[in-house]
Amino acid sequence: LAKAAAAAAAAAAAAAATAAAAAAAPAAAPAAAPAVAAAAAATAAATTTLATATAAAAAAAAAAAAAAAAAAVVVVVVVVVVVVVVVVVVVVVVVAAAAAAEA
């Protein structure tokens, strides 16, 4: 009889705990709702920040590519100018040598 009474008491305690949890759940839900909303807002803010950072990185990459292209153009222009100067100097030297040979 004592074992049955203990089992009944344990069952009653479990039922009371279940009832208390069921009563606390509706009270906890409104308290949890702001936390859930805050987490959703933080997630949205993080997503926006990530998108902004990605766009900034893409813009920086495009700027770097444009700078590299401009540097390549400058190098080509410098090489062309040097070649033209060398050709002009060679022509002047050849013409001067020919004039000196005729004289």
PDB file of N, CA and C in Angstrom:
ATOM      1  N   LEU A   1       0.830  -1.199   0.000  1.00  0.00           N
ATOM      2  CA  LEU A   1       0.000   0.000   0.000  1.00  0.00           C
ATOM      3  C   LEU A   1       0.878   1.270   0.000  1.00  0.00           C
ATOM      4  N   ALA A   2       2.007   1.195   0.751  1.00  0.00           N
ATOM      5  CA  ALA A   2       2.902   2.349   0.798  1.00  0.00           C
ATOM      6  C   ALA A   2       3.527   2.605  -0.566  1.00  0.00           C
ATOM      7  N   LYS A   3       3.899   1.513  -1.268  1.00  0.00           N
ATOM      8  CA  LYS A   3       4.482   1.673  -2.610  1.00  0.00           C
ATOM      9  C   LYS A   3       3.469   2.292  -3.568  1.00  0.00           C
ATOM     10  N   ALA A   4       2.227   1.841  -3.455  1.00  0.00           N
ATOM     11  CA  ALA A   4       1.192   2.390  -4.324  1.00  0.00           C
ATOM     12  C   ALA A   4       0.976   3.861  -4.011  1.00  0.00           C
ATOM     13  N   ALA A   5       1.015   4.205  -2.714  1.00  0.00           N
ATOM     14  CA  ALA A   5       0.830   5.604  -2.334  1.00  0.00           C
ATOM     15  C   ALA A   5       1.993   6.451  -2.851  1.00  0.00           C
ATOM     16  N   ALA A   6       3.248   5.900  -2.765  1.00  0.00           N
ATOM     17  CA  ALA A   6       4.403   6.634  -3.268  1.00  0.00           C
ATOM     18  C   ALA A   6       4.306   6.826  -4.779  1.00  0.00           C
ATOM     19  N   ALA A   7       3.877   5.775  -5.484  1.00  0.00           N
ATOM     20  CA  ALA A   7       3.721   5.881  -6.936  1.00  0.00           C
ATOM     21  C   ALA A   7       2.652   6.898  -7.284  1.00  0.00           C
ATOM     22  N   ALA A   8       1.562   6.884  -6.512  1.00  0.00           N
ATOM     23  CA  ALA A   8       0.492   7.852  -6.760  1.00  0.00           C
ATOM     24  C   ALA A   8       0.988   9.267  -6.483  1.00  0.00           C
ATOM     25  N   ALA A   9       1.794   9.418  -5.417  1.00  0.00           N
ATOM     26  CA  ALA A   9       2.332  10.743  -5.112  1.00  0.00           C
ATOM     27  C   ALA A   9       3.279  11.210  -6.216  1.00  0.00           C
ATOM     28  N   ALA A  10       4.115  10.285  -6.731  1.00  0.00           N
ATOM     29  CA  ALA A  10       5.021  10.641  -7.820  1.00  0.00           C
ATOM     30  C   ALA A  10       4.241  11.032  -9.068  1.00  0.00           C
ATOM     31  N   ALA A  11       3.175  10.275  -9.355  1.00  0.00           N
ATOM     32  CA  ALA A  11       2.351  10.597 -10.517  1.00  0.00           C
ATOM     33  C   ALA A  11       1.690  11.955 -10.334  1.00  0.00           C
ATOM     34  N   ALA A  12       1.221  12.224  -9.093  1.00  0.00           N
ATOM     35  CA  ALA A  12       0.595  13.519  -8.829  1.00  0.00           C
ATOM     36  C   ALA A  12       1.617  14.650  -8.976  1.00  0.00           C
ATOM     37  N   ALA A  13       2.857  14.408  -8.505  1.00  0.00           N
ATOM     38  CA  ALA A  13       3.895  15.430  -8.641  1.00  0.00           C
ATOM     39  C   ALA A  13       4.217  15.678 -10.113  1.00  0.00           C
ATOM     40  N   ALA A  14       4.301  14.597 -10.891  1.00  0.00           N
ATOM     41  CA  ALA A  14       4.558  14.753 -12.322  1.00  0.00           C
ATOM     42  C   ALA A  14       3.426  15.512 -13.000  1.00  0.00           C
ATOM     43  N   ALA A  15       2.194  15.193 -12.604  1.00  0.00           N
ATOM     44  CA  ALA A  15       1.050  15.898 -13.181  1.00  0.00           C
ATOM     45  C   ALA A  15       1.088  17.370 -12.795  1.00  0.00           C
ATOM     46  N   ALA A  16       1.463  17.649 -11.537  1.00  0.00           N
ATOM     47  CA  ALA A  16       1.544  19.046 -11.104  1.00  0.00           C
ATOM     48  C   ALA A  16       2.643  19.785 -11.863  1.00  0.00           C
ATOM     49  N   ALA A  17       3.794  19.110 -12.061  1.00  0.00           N
ATOM     50  CA  ALA A  17       4.878  19.738 -12.814  1.00  0.00           C
ATOM     51  C   ALA A  17       4.455  20.010 -14.251  1.00  0.00           C
ATOM     52  N   THR A  18       3.752  19.042 -14.843  1.00  0.00           N
ATOM     53  CA  THR A  18       3.263  19.227 -16.212  1.00  0.00           C
ATOM     54  C   THR A  18       2.281  20.393 -16.279  1.00  0.00           C
ATOM     55  N   ALA A  19       1.381  20.465 -15.292  1.00  0.00           N
ATOM     56  CA  ALA A  19       0.410  21.562 -15.270  1.00  0.00           C
ATOM     57  C   ALA A  19       1.116  22.904 -15.084  1.00  0.00           C
ATOM     58  N   ALA A  20       2.142  22.925 -14.225  1.00  0.00           N
ATOM     59  CA  ALA A  20       2.882  24.173 -14.021  1.00  0.00           C
ATOM     60  C   ALA A  20       3.598  24.592 -15.303  1.00  0.00           C
ATOM     61  N   ALA A  21       4.202  23.615 -16.002  1.00  0.00           N
ATOM     62  CA  ALA A  21       4.873  23.932 -17.260  1.00  0.00           C
ATOM     63  C   ALA A  21       3.876  24.435 -18.293  1.00  0.00           C
ATOM     64  N   ALA A  22       2.692  23.792 -18.340  1.00  0.00           N
ATOM     65  CA  ALA A  22       1.666  24.226 -19.287  1.00  0.00           C
ATOM     66  C   ALA A  22       1.187  25.631 -18.951  1.00  0.00           C
ATOM     67  N   ALA A  23       1.110  25.948 -17.651  1.00  0.00           N
ATOM     68  CA  ALA A  23       0.687  27.292 -17.261  1.00  0.00           C
ATOM     69  C   ALA A  23       1.783  28.318 -17.548  1.00  0.00           C
ATOM     70  N   ALA A  24       3.046  27.902 -17.417  1.00  0.00           N
ATOM     71  CA  ALA A  24       4.143  28.839 -17.648  1.00  0.00           C
ATOM     72  C   ALA A  24       4.377  29.086 -19.133  1.00  0.00           C
ATOM     73  N   ALA A  25       4.035  28.130 -19.982  1.00  0.00           N
ATOM     74  CA  ALA A  25       4.300  28.268 -21.416  1.00  0.00           C
ATOM     75  C   ALA A  25       3.614  29.494 -22.015  1.00  0.00           C
ATOM     76  N   PRO A  26       2.314  29.730 -21.758  1.00  0.00           N
ATOM     77  CA  PRO A  26       1.703  30.946 -22.329  1.00  0.00           C
ATOM     78  C   PRO A  26       2.354  32.229 -21.821  1.00  0.00           C
ATOM     79  N   ALA A  27       2.811  32.208 -20.557  1.00  0.00           N
ATOM     80  CA  ALA A  27       3.472  33.403 -20.029  1.00  0.00           C
ATOM     81  C   ALA A  27       4.854  33.577 -20.648  1.00  0.00           C
ATOM     82  N   ALA A  28       5.531  32.468 -20.938  1.00  0.00           N
ATOM     83  CA  ALA A  28       6.873  32.549 -21.506  1.00  0.00           C
ATOM     84  C   ALA A  28       6.836  32.946 -22.979  1.00  0.00           C
ATOM     85  N   ALA A  29       5.775  32.569 -23.675  1.00  0.00           N
ATOM     86  CA  ALA A  29       5.698  32.865 -25.108  1.00  0.00           C
ATOM     87  C   ALA A  29       5.744  34.372 -25.385  1.00  0.00           C
ATOM     88  N   PRO A  30       4.950  35.201 -24.693  1.00  0.00           N
ATOM     89  CA  PRO A  30       5.075  36.647 -24.951  1.00  0.00           C
ATOM     90  C   PRO A  30       6.451  37.196 -24.585  1.00  0.00           C
ATOM     91  N   ALA A  31       7.059  36.628 -23.545  1.00  0.00           N
ATOM     92  CA  ALA A  31       8.394  37.095 -23.169  1.00  0.00           C
ATOM     93  C   ALA A  31       9.419  36.700 -24.223  1.00  0.00           C
ATOM     94  N   ALA A  32       9.229  35.537 -24.848  1.00  0.00           N
ATOM     95  CA  ALA A  32      10.178  35.074 -25.856  1.00  0.00           C
ATOM     96  C   ALA A  32       9.980  35.795 -27.189  1.00  0.00           C
ATOM     97  N   ALA A  33       8.775  36.294 -27.437  1.00  0.00           N
ATOM     98  CA  ALA A  33       8.498  36.931 -28.729  1.00  0.00           C
ATOM     99  C   ALA A  33       9.429  38.115 -29.006  1.00  0.00           C
ATOM    100  N   PRO A  34       9.674  39.024 -28.053  1.00  0.00           N
ATOM    101  CA  PRO A  34      10.634  40.106 -28.351  1.00  0.00           C
ATOM    102  C   PRO A  34      12.037  39.594 -28.654  1.00  0.00           C
ATOM    103  N   ALA A  35      12.435  38.536 -27.929  1.00  0.00           N
ATOM    104  CA  ALA A  35      13.764  37.982 -28.201  1.00  0.00           C
ATOM    105  C   ALA A  35      13.829  37.405 -29.608  1.00  0.00           C
ATOM    106  N   VAL A  36      12.754  36.721 -30.010  1.00  0.00           N
ATOM    107  CA  VAL A  36      12.714  36.169 -31.373  1.00  0.00           C
ATOM    108  C   VAL A  36      12.730  37.305 -32.399  1.00  0.00           C
ATOM    109  N   ALA A  37      11.952  38.357 -32.129  1.00  0.00           N
ATOM    110  CA  ALA A  37      11.929  39.496 -33.054  1.00  0.00           C
ATOM    111  C   ALA A  37      13.293  40.171 -33.114  1.00  0.00           C
ATOM    112  N   ALA A  38      13.946  40.300 -31.943  1.00  0.00           N
ATOM    113  CA  ALA A  38      15.276  40.914 -31.928  1.00  0.00           C
ATOM    114  C   ALA A  38      16.273  40.063 -32.698  1.00  0.00           C
ATOM    115  N   ALA A  39      16.176  38.736 -32.542  1.00  0.00           N
ATOM    116  CA  ALA A  39      17.076  37.855 -33.289  1.00  0.00           C
ATOM    117  C   ALA A  39      16.826  37.976 -34.788  1.00  0.00           C
ATOM    118  N   ALA A  40      15.548  38.068 -35.177  1.00  0.00           N
ATOM    119  CA  ALA A  40      15.235  38.227 -36.599  1.00  0.00           C
ATOM    120  C   ALA A  40      15.774  39.555 -37.124  1.00  0.00           C
ATOM    121  N   ALA A  41      15.628  40.623 -36.314  1.00  0.00           N
ATOM    122  CA  ALA A  41      16.153  41.925 -36.737  1.00  0.00           C
ATOM    123  C   ALA A  41      17.669  41.896 -36.847  1.00  0.00           C
ATOM    124  N   ALA A  42      18.320  41.227 -35.886  1.00  0.00           N
ATOM    125  CA  ALA A  42      19.778  41.129 -35.945  1.00  0.00           C
ATOM    126  C   ALA A  42      20.225  40.338 -37.174  1.00  0.00           C
ATOM    127  N   THR A  43      19.476  39.282 -37.482  1.00  0.00           N
ATOM    128  CA  THR A  43      19.803  38.492 -38.675  1.00  0.00           C
ATOM    129  C   THR A  43      19.640  39.336 -39.936  1.00  0.00           C
ATOM    130  N   ALA A  44      18.561  40.114 -40.000  1.00  0.00           N
ATOM    131  CA  ALA A  44      18.351  40.980 -41.165  1.00  0.00           C
ATOM    132  C   ALA A  44      19.453  42.028 -41.268  1.00  0.00           C
ATOM    133  N   ALA A  45      19.840  42.597 -40.114  1.00  0.00           N
ATOM    134  CA  ALA A  45      20.911  43.598 -40.136  1.00  0.00           C
ATOM    135  C   ALA A  45      22.230  42.980 -40.581  1.00  0.00           C
ATOM    136  N   ALA A  46      22.505  41.768 -40.088  1.00  0.00           N
ATOM    137  CA  ALA A  46      23.742  41.098 -40.499  1.00  0.00           C
ATOM    138  C   ALA A  46      23.723  40.792 -41.990  1.00  0.00           C
ATOM    139  N   THR A  47      22.560  40.384 -42.491  1.00  0.00           N
ATOM    140  CA  THR A  47      22.447  40.098 -43.927  1.00  0.00           C
ATOM    141  C   THR A  47      22.677  41.368 -44.744  1.00  0.00           C
ATOM    142  N   THR A  48      22.083  42.476 -44.292  1.00  0.00           N
ATOM    143  CA  THR A  48      22.276  43.753 -44.990  1.00  0.00           C
ATOM    144  C   THR A  48      23.741  44.176 -44.954  1.00  0.00           C
ATOM    145  N   THR A  49      24.357  44.026 -43.776  1.00  0.00           N
ATOM    146  CA  THR A  49      25.774  44.385 -43.652  1.00  0.00           C
ATOM    147  C   THR A  49      26.632  43.527 -44.571  1.00  0.00           C
ATOM    148  N   LEU A  50      26.326  42.232 -44.617  1.00  0.00           N
ATOM    149  CA  LEU A  50      27.083  41.331 -45.493  1.00  0.00           C
ATOM    150  C   LEU A  50      26.913  41.734 -46.955  1.00  0.00           C
ATOM    151  N   ALA A  51      25.674  42.065 -47.341  1.00  0.00           N
ATOM    152  CA  ALA A  51      25.443  42.481 -48.726  1.00  0.00           C
ATOM    153  C   ALA A  51      26.200  43.768 -49.039  1.00  0.00           C
ATOM    154  N   THR A  52      26.190  44.704 -48.083  1.00  0.00           N
ATOM    155  CA  THR A  52      26.917  45.961 -48.289  1.00  0.00           C
ATOM    156  C   THR A  52      28.414  45.712 -48.415  1.00  0.00           C
ATOM    157  N   ALA A  53      28.935  44.856 -47.534  1.00  0.00           N
ATOM    158  CA  ALA A  53      30.365  44.550 -47.589  1.00  0.00           C
ATOM    159  C   ALA A  53      30.725  43.849 -48.895  1.00  0.00           C
ATOM    160  N   THR A  54      29.845  42.960 -49.354  1.00  0.00           N
ATOM    161  CA  THR A  54      30.096  42.268 -50.621  1.00  0.00           C
ATOM    162  C   THR A  54      30.114  43.264 -51.780  1.00  0.00           C
ATOM    163  N   ALA A  55      29.153  44.188 -51.773  1.00  0.00           N
ATOM    164  CA  ALA A  55      29.118  45.204 -52.831  1.00  0.00           C
ATOM    165  C   ALA A  55      30.362  46.084 -52.780  1.00  0.00           C
ATOM    166  N   ALA A  56      30.786  46.449 -51.568  1.00  0.00           N
ATOM    167  CA  ALA A  56      31.992  47.273 -51.440  1.00  0.00           C
ATOM    168  C   ALA A  56      33.222  46.517 -51.932  1.00  0.00           C
ATOM    169  N   ALA A  57      33.291  45.226 -51.611  1.00  0.00           N
ATOM    170  CA  ALA A  57      34.426  44.427 -52.080  1.00  0.00           C
ATOM    171  C   ALA A  57      34.419  44.322 -53.604  1.00  0.00           C
ATOM    172  N   ALA A  58      33.223  44.148 -54.183  1.00  0.00           N
ATOM    173  CA  ALA A  58      33.134  44.082 -55.642  1.00  0.00           C
ATOM    174  C   ALA A  58      33.561  45.412 -56.269  1.00  0.00           C
ATOM    175  N   ALA A  59      33.137  46.523 -55.662  1.00  0.00           N
ATOM    176  CA  ALA A  59      33.536  47.835 -56.184  1.00  0.00           C
ATOM    177  C   ALA A  59      35.044  48.030 -56.067  1.00  0.00           C
ATOM    178  N   ALA A  60      35.611  47.584 -54.949  1.00  0.00           N
ATOM    179  CA  ALA A  60      37.062  47.706 -54.783  1.00  0.00           C
ATOM    180  C   ALA A  60      37.801  46.854 -55.806  1.00  0.00           C
ATOM    181  N   ALA A  61      37.276  45.655 -56.068  1.00  0.00           N
ATOM    182  CA  ALA A  61      37.905  44.800 -57.075  1.00  0.00           C
ATOM    183  C   ALA A  61      37.822  45.442 -58.456  1.00  0.00           C
ATOM    184  N   ALA A  62      36.669  46.043 -58.763  1.00  0.00           N
ATOM    185  CA  ALA A  62      36.530  46.715 -60.057  1.00  0.00           C
ATOM    186  C   ALA A  62      37.489  47.901 -60.158  1.00  0.00           C
ATOM    187  N   ALA A  63      37.625  48.650 -59.060  1.00  0.00           N
ATOM    188  CA  ALA A  63      38.557  49.781 -59.072  1.00  0.00           C
ATOM    189  C   ALA A  63      39.996  49.302 -59.245  1.00  0.00           C
ATOM    190  N   ALA A  64      40.332  48.197 -58.583  1.00  0.00           N
ATOM    191  CA  ALA A  64      41.685  47.652 -58.730  1.00  0.00           C
ATOM    192  C   ALA A  64      41.931  47.195 -60.165  1.00  0.00           C
ATOM    193  N   ALA A  65      40.915  46.571 -60.770  1.00  0.00           N
ATOM    194  CA  ALA A  65      41.060  46.140 -62.161  1.00  0.00           C
ATOM    195  C   ALA A  65      41.228  47.346 -63.083  1.00  0.00           C
ATOM    196  N   ALA A  66      40.453  48.405 -62.827  1.00  0.00           N
ATOM    197  CA  ALA A  66      40.585  49.611 -63.651  1.00  0.00           C
ATOM    198  C   ALA A  66      41.963  50.240 -63.477  1.00  0.00           C
ATOM    199  N   ALA A  67      42.459  50.251 -62.242  1.00  0.00           N
ATOM    200  CA  ALA A  67      43.793  50.806 -62.002  1.00  0.00           C
ATOM    201  C   ALA A  67      44.862  49.974 -62.699  1.00  0.00           C
ATOM    202  N   ALA A  68      44.696  48.647 -62.666  1.00  0.00           N
ATOM    203  CA  ALA A  68      45.660  47.785 -63.354  1.00  0.00           C
ATOM    204  C   ALA A  68      45.623  48.028 -64.859  1.00  0.00           C
ATOM    205  N   ALA A  69      44.409  48.190 -65.409  1.00  0.00           N
ATOM    206  CA  ALA A  69      44.295  48.466 -66.840  1.00  0.00           C
ATOM    207  C   ALA A  69      44.943  49.809 -67.180  1.00  0.00           C
ATOM    208  N   ALA A  70      44.714  50.817 -66.335  1.00  0.00           N
ATOM    209  CA  ALA A  70      45.330  52.124 -66.581  1.00  0.00           C
ATOM    210  C   ALA A  70      46.849  52.033 -66.505  1.00  0.00           C
ATOM    211  N   ALA A  71      47.344  51.258 -65.540  1.00  0.00           N
ATOM    212  CA  ALA A  71      48.796  51.088 -65.433  1.00  0.00           C
ATOM    213  C   ALA A  71      49.350  50.392 -66.670  1.00  0.00           C
ATOM    214  N   ALA A  72      48.612  49.399 -67.176  1.00  0.00           N
ATOM    215  CA  ALA A  72      49.059  48.711 -68.385  1.00  0.00           C
ATOM    216  C   ALA A  72      49.095  49.675 -69.566  1.00  0.00           C
ATOM    217  N   VAL A  73      48.087  50.543 -69.667  1.00  0.00           N
ATOM    218  CA  VAL A  73      48.067  51.530 -70.752  1.00  0.00           C
ATOM    219  C   VAL A  73      49.263  52.471 -70.626  1.00  0.00           C
ATOM    220  N   VAL A  74      49.550  52.908 -69.407  1.00  0.00           N
ATOM    221  CA  VAL A  74      50.696  53.802 -69.196  1.00  0.00           C
ATOM    222  C   VAL A  74      51.987  53.112 -69.608  1.00  0.00           C
ATOM    223  N   VAL A  75      52.140  51.846 -69.238  1.00  0.00           N
ATOM    224  CA  VAL A  75      53.348  51.098 -69.612  1.00  0.00           C
ATOM    225  C   VAL A  75      53.470  51.015 -71.126  1.00  0.00           C
ATOM    226  N   VAL A  76      52.364  50.709 -71.800  1.00  0.00           N
ATOM    227  CA  VAL A  76      52.400  50.607 -73.264  1.00  0.00           C
ATOM    228  C   VAL A  76      52.782  51.951 -73.876  1.00  0.00           C
ATOM    229  N   VAL A  77      52.196  53.037 -73.373  1.00  0.00           N
ATOM    230  CA  VAL A  77      52.508  54.367 -73.911  1.00  0.00           C
ATOM    231  C   VAL A  77      53.981  54.694 -73.701  1.00  0.00           C
ATOM    232  N   VAL A  78      54.503  54.392 -72.514  1.00  0.00           N
ATOM    233  CA  VAL A  78      55.920  54.661 -72.243  1.00  0.00           C
ATOM    234  C   VAL A  78      56.808  53.858 -73.181  1.00  0.00           C
ATOM    235  N   VAL A  79      56.479  52.587 -73.385  1.00  0.00           N
ATOM    236  CA  VAL A  79      57.279  51.749 -74.285  1.00  0.00           C
ATOM    237  C   VAL A  79      57.245  52.311 -75.698  1.00  0.00           C
ATOM    238  N   VAL A  80      56.067  52.715 -76.160  1.00  0.00           N
ATOM    239  CA  VAL A  80      55.953  53.268 -77.511  1.00  0.00           C
ATOM    240  C   VAL A  80      56.781  54.547 -77.627  1.00  0.00           C
ATOM    241  N   VAL A  81      56.715  55.416 -76.635  1.00  0.00           N
ATOM    242  CA  VAL A  81      57.491  56.662 -76.674  1.00  0.00           C
ATOM    243  C   VAL A  81      58.980  56.358 -76.709  1.00  0.00           C
ATOM    244  N   VAL A  82      59.425  55.412 -75.892  1.00  0.00           N
ATOM    245  CA  VAL A  82      60.848  55.052 -75.881  1.00  0.00           C
ATOM    246  C   VAL A  82      61.271  54.511 -77.235  1.00  0.00           C
ATOM    247  N   VAL A  83      60.453  53.651 -77.826  1.00  0.00           N
ATOM    248  CA  VAL A  83      60.790  53.086 -79.140  1.00  0.00           C
ATOM    249  C   VAL A  83      60.872  54.196 -80.181  1.00  0.00           C
ATOM    250  N   VAL A  84      59.917  55.127 -80.158  1.00  0.00           N
ATOM    251  CA  VAL A  84      59.933  56.228 -81.122  1.00  0.00           C
ATOM    252  C   VAL A  84      61.185  57.079 -80.931  1.00  0.00           C
ATOM    253  N   VAL A  85      61.541  57.374 -79.695  1.00  0.00           N
ATOM    254  CA  VAL A  85      62.743  58.175 -79.438  1.00  0.00           C
ATOM    255  C   VAL A  85      63.981  57.446 -79.942  1.00  0.00           C
ATOM    256  N   VAL A  86      64.072  56.151 -79.691  1.00  0.00           N
ATOM    257  CA  VAL A  86      65.232  55.374 -80.159  1.00  0.00           C
ATOM    258  C   VAL A  86      65.299  55.389 -81.676  1.00  0.00           C
ATOM    259  N   VAL A  87      64.161  55.208 -82.340  1.00  0.00           N
ATOM    260  CA  VAL A  87      64.145  55.215 -83.806  1.00  0.00           C
ATOM    261  C   VAL A  87      64.586  56.582 -84.327  1.00  0.00           C
ATOM    262  N   VAL A  88      64.087  57.656 -83.726  1.00  0.00           N
ATOM    263  CA  VAL A  88      64.475  59.000 -84.166  1.00  0.00           C
ATOM    264  C   VAL A  88      65.971  59.210 -83.971  1.00  0.00           C
ATOM    265  N   VAL A  89      66.506  58.790 -82.841  1.00  0.00           N
ATOM    266  CA  VAL A  89      67.945  58.942 -82.594  1.00  0.00           C
ATOM    267  C   VAL A  89      68.746  58.151 -83.616  1.00  0.00           C
ATOM    268  N   VAL A  90      68.325  56.923 -83.901  1.00  0.00           N
ATOM    269  CA  VAL A  90      69.045  56.103 -84.892  1.00  0.00           C
ATOM    270  C   VAL A  90      69.005  56.769 -86.260  1.00  0.00           C
ATOM    271  N   VAL A  91      67.844  57.284 -86.652  1.00  0.00           N
ATOM    272  CA  VAL A  91      67.732  57.945 -87.959  1.00  0.00           C
ATOM    273  C   VAL A  91      68.638  59.167 -88.008  1.00  0.00           C
ATOM    274  N   VAL A  92      68.651  59.969 -86.946  1.00  0.00           N
ATOM    275  CA  VAL A  92      69.509  61.159 -86.914  1.00  0.00           C
ATOM    276  C   VAL A  92      70.973  60.761 -87.016  1.00  0.00           C
ATOM    277  N   VAL A  93      71.365  59.721 -86.290  1.00  0.00           N
ATOM    278  CA  VAL A  93      72.763  59.276 -86.335  1.00  0.00           C
ATOM    279  C   VAL A  93      73.119  58.778 -87.722  1.00  0.00           C
ATOM    280  N   VAL A  94      72.229  58.012 -88.341  1.00  0.00           N
ATOM    281  CA  VAL A  94      72.507  57.487 -89.687  1.00  0.00           C
ATOM    282  C   VAL A  94      72.604  58.628 -90.687  1.00  0.00           C
ATOM    283  N   VAL A  95      71.683  59.585 -90.607  1.00  0.00           N
ATOM    284  CA  VAL A  95      71.721  60.724 -91.535  1.00  0.00           C
ATOM    285  C   VAL A  95      72.991  61.536 -91.319  1.00  0.00           C
ATOM    286  N   ALA A  96      73.366  61.758 -90.068  1.00  0.00           N
ATOM    287  CA  ALA A  96      74.587  62.519 -89.783  1.00  0.00           C
ATOM    288  C   ALA A  96      75.815  61.777 -90.287  1.00  0.00           C
ATOM    289  N   ALA A  97      75.823  60.458 -90.127  1.00  0.00           N
ATOM    290  CA  ALA A  97      76.965  59.676 -90.613  1.00  0.00           C
ATOM    291  C   ALA A  97      77.045  59.734 -92.128  1.00  0.00           C
ATOM    292  N   ALA A  98      75.888  59.663 -92.794  1.00  0.00           N
ATOM    293  CA  ALA A  98      75.887  59.739 -94.256  1.00  0.00           C
ATOM    294  C   ALA A  98      76.362  61.112 -94.720  1.00  0.00           C
ATOM    295  N   ALA A  99      75.919  62.158 -94.041  1.00  0.00           N
ATOM    296  CA  ALA A  99      76.353  63.515 -94.413  1.00  0.00           C
ATOM    297  C   ALA A  99      77.848  63.677 -94.182  1.00  0.00           C
ATOM    298  N   ALA A 100      78.345  63.124 -93.099  1.00  0.00           N
ATOM    299  CA  ALA A 100      79.782  63.216 -92.827  1.00  0.00           C
ATOM    300  C   ALA A 100      80.576  62.425 -93.850  1.00  0.00           C
ATOM    301  N   ALA A 101      80.042  61.302 -94.298  1.00  0.00           N
ATOM    302  CA  ALA A 101      80.749  60.492 -95.289  1.00  0.00           C
ATOM    303  C   ALA A 101      80.789  61.218 -96.630  1.00  0.00           C
ATOM    304  N   GLU A 102      79.729  61.927 -96.985  1.00  0.00           N
ATOM    305  CA  GLU A 102      79.719  62.659 -98.248  1.00  0.00           C
ATOM    306  C   GLU A 102      80.658  63.853 -98.188  1.00  0.00           C
ATOM    307  N   ALA A 103      80.768  64.442 -97.016  1.00  0.00           N
ATOM    308  CA  ALA A 103      81.639  65.613 -96.882  1.00  0.00           C
ATOM    309  C   ALA A 103      83.073  65.131 -96.826  1.00  0.00           C
TER     310      ALA A 103
END
